[in-house]
Amino acid sequence: MNLFSSFKCKLWIIVLITLPCCIIGFPCFAYIYQTYTISPFTIKAEITPDSCNALGKGIIGLAVSGGKSPYTYKWNTGATTSVISSLTSGTYSVTIQDANSASATINIQVGYYLQWTDGTGITESSGNLTKTASDGWGNSGAASTNILNANQDGYVEFSVSNLNADAYIIGLSTSNKDNNYTSINYGIMYNNQKIYIYENGVKVGLTTVTANNTFRVYREGSNIYYYKNSTLLRTVATNASNSLITDVAIKNTNGKIYNTASSFCAPPVIPASSDTVYAVLKTELDGGYYTAKNGILSFIYFEDYNDQDAKLNYAVYDQRHNLIASSNNYSLKVSYGENKYSLNTASDLQMNVNTSRNYYTLEVINEKKEKWMLRFYNDVSCNPCQ
């Protein structure tokens, strides 16, 4: 099932633009706009992506026309307003009803801002890139710290707000080899009001572009899909076991890359200190992960309900979803509010230390059967860990 099939509407358009001002007092980097046309409504959604460094910064605001006002809103979070905030990355659904009892339900995705590293010949400001080097390919580029892990589905996308003479490429790569478009494994290039698909420097497709078109490179399973808005442009096979990063290059001096977003996050930053860093569990997994250094898994769990038996209901699974450990093997107490845990993956969870640096998933289920998750690597090889 691809990401677009969950949108039950006649027409939807995603538009990403950077605005000069921001809503609700949050820093302004980029907004994502989606438009849904479901008779009798036109629904415009303004989305602020979440931040990898400070989770819970996402915002969705709706503007509805058509039908008969006033409108009511019912979100899957329980909210009943047209604007909801403090959102983490994930999919949110809302049912809108007008005074005539006509209704429509839509699903809205909140993604992540892209964070950059290895910038050459560019300046970076609030996630936006501007080329400072001379004209030409090969002397200006960057890569994301956001990582799409092996065997995970995910995408990077951008919109073309201005039809100018710039040339740049955005895509997914296994590594940041250099600053040229020829090293980007799966890329979409904007070049002087035209769009091209490039794979390792080879042009394999082209399409038209108009202002505010959004283009997406999406890995699902063992395939790469290229989209223009909701239209599939190309499919090509890929190796799902490779981790991917966002890889970009710019041709023109003063050329810019902005209006970008991804479905996957950057790994947590672990400071070089002896302080314990606790991972925060989330309702949906993304490309981020936590490293259990020296085999110590530290996490925070927020209990929203009064747990009847005061025991944490958890399980740990390997990459093939085989059960590795659970609350049946090692009991943990839980209380209402914030709970902090530091577990030895070998002695407490009885995980095999020979499988260091393997990828695991921790799942916690609360009293209401809601699931909270954390992806982590069990790293027992570093001694000492930095």
Protein backbone atom coordinates (compact mmCIF):
# COMPACT_ATOMS: atom_id res chain seq x y z
CA MET A 1 0.00 0.00 0.00
CA ASN A 2 1.54 3.34 -0.97
CA LEU A 3 1.31 6.50 1.10
CA PHE A 4 -1.24 8.12 -1.18
CA SER A 5 -3.88 5.38 -1.04
CA SER A 6 -5.04 6.37 2.43
CA PHE A 7 -6.37 9.73 1.25
CA LYS A 8 -10.05 9.23 0.49
CA CYS A 9 -10.75 12.29 -1.59
CA LYS A 10 -11.38 13.26 -5.17
CA LEU A 11 -8.35 15.52 -5.38
CA TRP A 12 -5.48 16.37 -3.09
CA ILE A 13 -2.47 18.55 -3.64
CA ILE A 14 0.57 19.02 -1.42
CA VAL A 15 2.28 22.40 -1.55
CA LEU A 16 5.37 23.29 0.49
CA ILE A 17 6.30 26.96 0.77
CA THR A 18 8.36 29.11 3.09
CA LEU A 19 6.46 32.04 4.55
CA PRO A 20 7.87 35.30 5.97
CA CYS A 21 5.98 34.88 9.21
CA CYS A 22 4.77 32.01 11.36
CA ILE A 23 1.70 31.04 13.28
CA ILE A 24 1.24 30.31 16.95
CA GLY A 25 4.69 31.64 17.87
CA PHE A 26 6.78 28.76 16.49
CA PRO A 27 10.01 29.35 14.51
CA CYS A 28 9.47 29.74 10.80
CA PHE A 29 11.29 27.28 8.57
CA ALA A 30 8.78 25.81 6.10
CA TYR A 31 5.14 24.95 5.91
CA ILE A 32 3.43 22.08 4.14
CA TYR A 33 0.12 22.82 2.49
CA GLN A 34 -2.41 20.23 1.42
CA THR A 35 -5.68 20.88 -0.40
CA TYR A 36 -8.52 18.36 -0.40
CA THR A 37 -11.65 18.68 -2.54
CA ILE A 38 -14.45 16.49 -1.18
CA SER A 39 -17.94 17.64 -2.12
CA PRO A 40 -19.19 20.01 -0.84
CA PHE A 41 -15.92 21.08 0.84
CA THR A 42 -12.58 22.52 -0.10
CA ILE A 43 -10.23 21.88 2.81
CA LYS A 44 -6.85 23.56 3.03
CA ALA A 45 -4.40 22.22 5.60
CA GLU A 46 -1.40 24.23 6.77
CA ILE A 47 1.18 21.94 8.39
CA THR A 48 4.27 22.78 10.39
CA PRO A 49 6.62 19.76 10.43
CA ASP A 50 7.98 18.33 13.64
CA SER A 51 11.59 18.83 14.72
CA CYS A 52 13.98 15.94 15.25
CA ASN A 53 15.65 17.84 18.11
CA ALA A 54 12.52 18.89 19.99
CA LEU A 55 9.68 16.47 19.39
CA GLY A 56 6.13 17.76 19.60
CA LYS A 57 6.51 20.95 17.53
CA GLY A 58 4.16 19.96 14.72
CA ILE A 59 1.02 21.98 13.95
CA ILE A 60 -1.96 21.42 11.66
CA GLY A 61 -4.33 24.27 10.84
CA LEU A 62 -7.44 23.88 8.67
CA ALA A 63 -9.35 26.39 6.54
CA VAL A 64 -12.66 25.05 5.21
CA SER A 65 -14.96 26.47 2.55
CA GLY A 66 -18.05 25.09 0.84
CA GLY A 67 -21.08 23.54 2.47
CA LYS A 68 -22.74 25.59 5.20
CA SER A 69 -20.90 27.02 8.15
CA PRO A 70 -20.34 26.68 11.04
CA TYR A 71 -18.12 23.63 10.81
CA THR A 72 -17.25 21.16 13.54
CA TYR A 73 -14.01 19.19 13.82
CA LYS A 74 -13.35 15.81 15.39
CA TRP A 75 -9.73 14.66 15.43
CA ASN A 76 -8.42 11.23 16.29
CA THR A 77 -6.55 12.95 19.13
CA GLY A 78 -9.86 14.00 20.69
CA ALA A 79 -9.40 17.68 19.74
CA THR A 80 -12.39 19.61 18.37
CA THR A 81 -10.72 22.76 17.01
CA SER A 82 -9.55 23.73 13.51
CA VAL A 83 -5.93 24.02 14.73
CA ILE A 84 -4.07 21.37 16.70
CA SER A 85 -0.51 21.73 17.95
CA SER A 86 2.24 20.01 19.95
CA LEU A 87 2.20 17.19 17.40
CA THR A 88 4.84 14.57 16.81
CA SER A 89 5.46 13.11 13.38
CA GLY A 90 2.68 10.81 12.22
CA THR A 91 -0.72 10.63 10.55
CA TYR A 92 -3.69 12.50 11.96
CA SER A 93 -7.31 12.10 10.87
CA VAL A 94 -10.12 14.61 11.20
CA THR A 95 -13.82 14.51 10.39
CA ILE A 96 -15.37 17.83 9.36
CA GLN A 97 -19.11 18.37 9.47
CA ASP A 98 -21.14 21.40 8.37
CA ALA A 99 -24.48 22.78 9.52
CA ASN A 100 -26.31 20.56 7.01
CA SER A 101 -24.64 17.43 8.47
CA ALA A 102 -22.48 16.92 5.36
CA SER A 103 -19.15 15.46 6.44
CA ALA A 104 -15.72 14.51 5.14
CA THR A 105 -12.80 12.66 6.73
CA ILE A 106 -9.20 13.28 5.71
CA ASN A 107 -5.80 12.00 6.83
CA ILE A 108 -2.93 14.45 7.23
CA GLN A 109 0.73 13.59 7.63
CA VAL A 110 3.15 15.54 9.79
CA GLY A 111 6.76 14.97 8.79
CA TYR A 112 10.17 16.31 9.83
CA TYR A 113 12.36 19.22 8.91
CA LEU A 114 15.55 18.17 7.14
CA GLN A 115 18.82 18.78 8.98
CA TRP A 116 22.03 19.15 6.97
CA THR A 117 25.66 18.15 7.26
CA ASP A 118 28.77 18.02 5.00
CA GLY A 119 27.81 21.30 3.32
CA THR A 120 30.24 22.45 0.64
CA GLY A 121 30.01 25.78 -1.19
CA ILE A 122 26.78 26.69 0.57
CA THR A 123 25.36 28.55 3.53
CA GLU A 124 22.57 27.10 5.66
CA SER A 125 19.89 29.04 7.51
CA SER A 126 16.89 27.46 9.23
CA GLY A 127 17.19 24.37 7.03
CA ASN A 128 17.40 26.35 3.78
CA LEU A 129 20.51 26.07 1.57
CA THR A 130 22.01 28.83 -0.61
CA LYS A 131 24.94 28.25 -2.95
CA THR A 132 27.97 30.53 -2.49
CA ALA A 133 30.39 28.76 -4.85
CA SER A 134 30.81 29.59 -8.52
CA ASP A 135 28.40 28.39 -11.20
CA GLY A 136 28.60 24.78 -12.25
CA TRP A 137 27.92 21.28 -10.97
CA GLY A 138 30.20 19.51 -8.54
CA ASN A 139 31.26 22.28 -6.14
CA SER A 140 28.17 22.68 -3.96
CA GLY A 141 26.08 20.14 -2.06
CA ALA A 142 25.03 18.70 1.28
CA ALA A 143 23.57 15.60 2.91
CA SER A 144 20.96 15.15 5.59
CA THR A 145 21.54 13.90 9.09
CA ASN A 146 18.05 12.41 8.71
CA ILE A 147 18.54 8.70 8.04
CA LEU A 148 16.10 6.28 6.41
CA ASN A 149 17.12 3.03 8.06
CA ALA A 150 17.44 -0.31 6.30
CA ASN A 151 14.13 -2.05 5.56
CA GLN A 152 12.16 1.07 6.44
CA ASP A 153 9.75 2.88 4.10
CA GLY A 154 10.10 6.63 3.74
CA TYR A 155 10.36 9.63 1.46
CA VAL A 156 11.91 13.01 0.85
CA GLU A 157 9.95 15.69 -0.98
CA PHE A 158 10.23 19.28 -2.17
CA SER A 159 8.09 21.83 -3.95
CA VAL A 160 8.92 24.23 -6.74
CA SER A 161 7.60 27.59 -5.56
CA ASN A 162 9.43 29.73 -8.12
CA LEU A 163 9.83 28.91 -11.79
CA ASN A 164 13.28 30.40 -12.26
CA ALA A 165 16.52 29.53 -14.04
CA ASP A 166 18.03 27.67 -11.08
CA ALA A 167 19.22 24.07 -11.30
CA TYR A 168 19.33 21.72 -8.31
CA ILE A 169 18.69 18.08 -7.48
CA ILE A 170 17.24 16.41 -4.39
CA GLY A 171 17.11 12.68 -3.80
CA LEU A 172 18.08 9.62 -1.79
CA SER A 173 21.56 8.06 -1.67
CA THR A 174 23.36 5.38 0.31
CA SER A 175 26.16 7.85 1.10
CA ASN A 176 27.35 11.38 0.38
CA LYS A 177 30.13 10.58 -2.10
CA ASP A 178 30.66 14.09 -3.51
CA ASN A 179 28.86 17.31 -4.45
CA ASN A 180 27.82 16.32 -7.96
CA TYR A 181 24.40 15.23 -9.19
CA THR A 182 26.02 12.17 -10.79
CA SER A 183 26.54 10.50 -7.40
CA ILE A 184 22.94 10.80 -6.21
CA ASN A 185 21.35 7.36 -6.47
CA TYR A 186 17.70 8.39 -6.89
CA GLY A 187 17.13 12.06 -7.61
CA ILE A 188 14.68 14.57 -9.02
CA MET A 189 16.29 17.57 -10.70
CA TYR A 190 14.75 20.98 -11.29
CA ASN A 191 16.59 22.63 -14.18
CA ASN A 192 15.37 25.91 -15.67
CA GLN A 193 11.62 25.20 -15.42
CA LYS A 194 11.92 21.52 -16.29
CA ILE A 195 11.94 18.37 -14.14
CA TYR A 196 14.21 15.38 -14.76
CA ILE A 197 14.66 12.07 -12.95
CA TYR A 198 18.31 11.07 -12.56
CA GLU A 199 19.73 7.81 -11.21
CA ASN A 200 23.52 7.81 -10.65
CA GLY A 201 23.96 10.56 -13.24
CA VAL A 202 21.78 8.90 -15.90
CA LYS A 203 18.62 10.72 -17.01
CA VAL A 204 15.75 8.23 -16.89
CA GLY A 205 12.67 10.46 -17.02
CA LEU A 206 11.28 13.95 -17.36
CA THR A 207 8.02 15.78 -16.75
CA THR A 208 6.52 19.25 -16.76
CA VAL A 209 6.41 21.56 -13.77
CA THR A 210 4.20 24.43 -12.68
CA ALA A 211 4.46 26.62 -9.61
CA ASN A 212 3.83 24.81 -6.30
CA ASN A 213 4.13 21.32 -7.75
CA THR A 214 5.51 18.90 -5.17
CA PHE A 215 7.89 16.07 -6.06
CA ARG A 216 8.63 13.04 -3.92
CA VAL A 217 11.22 10.23 -3.95
CA TYR A 218 9.75 7.41 -1.90
CA ARG A 219 11.15 4.03 -0.92
CA GLU A 220 8.57 1.39 -0.15
CA GLY A 221 9.78 -2.17 0.30
CA SER A 222 12.18 -3.03 -2.52
CA ASN A 223 11.08 -0.25 -4.85
CA ILE A 224 11.75 3.45 -5.38
CA TYR A 225 8.74 5.49 -6.50
CA TYR A 226 8.89 8.99 -8.00
CA TYR A 227 5.82 11.19 -7.64
CA LYS A 228 4.63 14.53 -8.96
CA ASN A 229 1.93 15.50 -6.47
CA SER A 230 -0.10 12.25 -6.34
CA THR A 231 0.88 11.07 -9.85
CA LEU A 232 3.36 8.20 -10.09
CA LEU A 233 6.13 9.00 -12.58
CA ARG A 234 8.48 6.02 -12.32
CA THR A 235 9.18 2.84 -10.35
CA VAL A 236 12.56 1.16 -10.06
CA ALA A 237 13.83 -1.74 -7.94
CA THR A 238 16.20 -1.07 -5.04
CA ASN A 239 17.96 -2.88 -2.22
CA ALA A 240 15.77 -2.39 0.86
CA SER A 241 18.62 -3.43 3.19
CA ASN A 242 20.51 -0.17 2.51
CA SER A 243 20.18 2.85 4.76
CA LEU A 244 19.57 6.08 2.82
CA ILE A 245 20.14 9.79 3.35
CA THR A 246 18.84 12.86 1.55
CA ASP A 247 21.50 14.02 -0.92
CA VAL A 248 21.44 17.40 -2.71
CA ALA A 249 23.50 19.42 -5.19
CA ILE A 250 23.09 22.96 -6.58
CA LYS A 251 24.38 24.32 -9.90
CA ASN A 252 23.84 28.08 -9.88
CA THR A 253 25.49 30.66 -7.64
CA ASN A 254 22.86 32.00 -5.20
CA GLY A 255 20.66 29.06 -6.09
CA LYS A 256 18.55 27.81 -3.21
CA ILE A 257 17.11 24.58 -1.85
CA TYR A 258 14.19 25.01 0.50
CA ASN A 259 10.62 23.73 0.95
CA THR A 260 11.91 20.25 1.77
CA ALA A 261 10.62 17.64 4.21
CA SER A 262 11.14 13.97 4.97
CA SER A 263 9.22 11.20 6.67
CA PHE A 264 12.33 10.08 8.56
CA CYS A 265 14.23 11.77 11.35
CA ALA A 266 17.83 12.25 12.42
CA PRO A 267 19.23 9.88 15.06
CA PRO A 268 19.23 11.33 18.58
CA VAL A 269 22.33 13.34 19.42
CA ILE A 270 24.19 11.61 22.26
CA PRO A 271 26.38 14.15 24.09
CA ALA A 272 29.97 13.21 24.98
CA SER A 273 29.38 13.12 28.73
CA SER A 274 28.62 10.67 31.49
CA ASP A 275 25.04 11.95 31.79
CA THR A 276 22.37 9.42 30.92
CA VAL A 277 20.39 10.30 27.81
CA TYR A 278 16.87 8.92 27.89
CA ALA A 279 15.04 8.13 24.67
CA VAL A 280 11.38 9.13 24.37
CA LEU A 281 8.89 6.53 23.15
CA LYS A 282 6.58 7.47 20.27
CA THR A 283 3.29 6.24 18.85
CA GLU A 284 4.81 5.75 15.37
CA LEU A 285 8.30 4.74 14.28
CA ASP A 286 10.37 6.81 11.88
CA GLY A 287 13.95 6.76 10.59
CA GLY A 288 15.44 7.70 13.95
CA TYR A 289 16.95 5.29 16.45
CA TYR A 290 18.52 5.23 19.91
CA THR A 291 21.90 3.63 20.58
CA ALA A 292 22.04 1.46 23.71
CA LYS A 293 25.71 2.18 24.38
CA ASN A 294 27.53 -0.44 26.44
CA GLY A 295 24.29 -2.40 26.21
CA ILE A 296 22.37 0.07 28.43
CA LEU A 297 18.88 0.93 27.18
CA SER A 298 17.61 4.13 28.82
CA PHE A 299 14.15 5.47 28.03
CA ILE A 300 11.35 7.62 29.40
CA TYR A 301 7.76 6.42 29.40
CA PHE A 302 4.85 8.72 30.27
CA GLU A 303 1.92 6.83 31.78
CA ASP A 304 -1.33 8.70 31.14
CA TYR A 305 -3.56 6.32 33.10
CA ASN A 306 -3.52 4.64 36.48
CA ASP A 307 -2.02 1.22 35.79
CA GLN A 308 -3.99 -1.44 37.64
CA ASP A 309 -1.11 -3.80 38.46
CA ALA A 310 1.62 -1.08 38.49
CA LYS A 311 3.73 -3.16 36.07
CA LEU A 312 5.06 -2.00 32.73
CA ASN A 313 3.67 -4.08 29.85
CA TYR A 314 6.53 -4.20 27.35
CA ALA A 315 8.17 -6.40 24.73
CA VAL A 316 11.38 -6.30 22.68
CA TYR A 317 11.47 -7.64 19.10
CA ASP A 318 14.30 -8.22 16.66
CA GLN A 319 14.36 -7.15 13.00
CA ARG A 320 12.16 -10.09 12.00
CA HIS A 321 9.72 -9.30 14.79
CA ASN A 322 10.76 -12.31 16.84
CA LEU A 323 10.09 -11.80 20.55
CA ILE A 324 13.39 -11.28 22.39
CA ALA A 325 12.29 -10.11 25.85
CA SER A 326 9.12 -9.06 27.64
CA SER A 327 7.59 -8.11 30.98
CA ASN A 328 7.08 -11.84 31.57
CA ASN A 329 10.87 -12.24 31.87
CA TYR A 330 11.84 -9.06 33.70
CA SER A 331 9.25 -7.05 35.65
CA LEU A 332 9.34 -3.24 35.74
CA LYS A 333 7.23 -1.02 37.96
CA VAL A 334 5.22 1.83 36.45
CA SER A 335 3.32 4.74 37.97
CA TYR A 336 1.24 7.63 36.69
CA GLY A 337 3.34 10.33 34.98
CA GLU A 338 7.02 10.17 34.03
CA ASN A 339 8.90 6.88 34.43
CA LYS A 340 12.63 6.54 33.69
CA TYR A 341 14.30 3.19 33.04
CA SER A 342 17.91 2.09 32.42
CA LEU A 343 18.13 -1.59 31.52
CA ASN A 344 21.12 -3.80 30.86
CA THR A 345 20.24 -5.57 27.64
CA ALA A 346 22.32 -8.61 28.65
CA SER A 347 21.55 -9.16 32.33
CA ASP A 348 18.09 -7.58 32.56
CA LEU A 349 16.61 -8.39 29.16
CA GLN A 350 18.73 -11.50 28.54
CA MET A 351 19.61 -10.34 25.03
CA ASN A 352 22.45 -12.14 23.30
CA VAL A 353 25.54 -9.92 23.49
CA ASN A 354 26.89 -11.55 20.32
CA THR A 355 24.23 -9.65 18.39
CA SER A 356 25.71 -6.22 19.19
CA ARG A 357 24.70 -3.37 16.88
CA ASN A 358 21.60 -5.24 15.79
CA TYR A 359 18.41 -3.34 15.36
CA TYR A 360 15.52 -3.90 17.82
CA THR A 361 12.11 -2.45 18.65
CA LEU A 362 10.80 -1.83 22.16
CA GLU A 363 7.00 -1.76 22.47
CA VAL A 364 5.06 -0.61 25.52
CA ILE A 365 1.27 -1.05 25.74
CA ASN A 366 -0.68 1.01 28.28
CA GLU A 367 -3.97 0.33 30.07
CA LYS A 368 -5.98 1.58 27.07
CA LYS A 369 -4.12 -0.80 24.72
CA GLU A 370 -2.27 2.11 23.13
CA LYS A 371 1.19 1.23 21.81
CA TRP A 372 4.37 3.29 22.33
CA MET A 373 7.58 2.33 20.54
CA LEU A 374 11.32 2.90 20.32
CA ARG A 375 13.80 1.66 17.73
CA PHE A 376 17.30 1.05 19.10
CA TYR A 377 20.66 -0.51 18.40
CA ASN A 378 22.22 -2.75 21.04
CA ASP A 379 25.84 -1.59 21.03
CA VAL A 380 28.03 -3.52 23.46
CA SER A 381 31.20 -3.03 21.42
CA CYS A 382 32.25 0.45 22.59
CA ASN A 383 34.39 0.53 25.69
CA PRO A 384 34.46 3.24 26.77
CA CYS A 385 31.61 4.82 24.81
CA GLN A 386 32.03 8.36 23.64
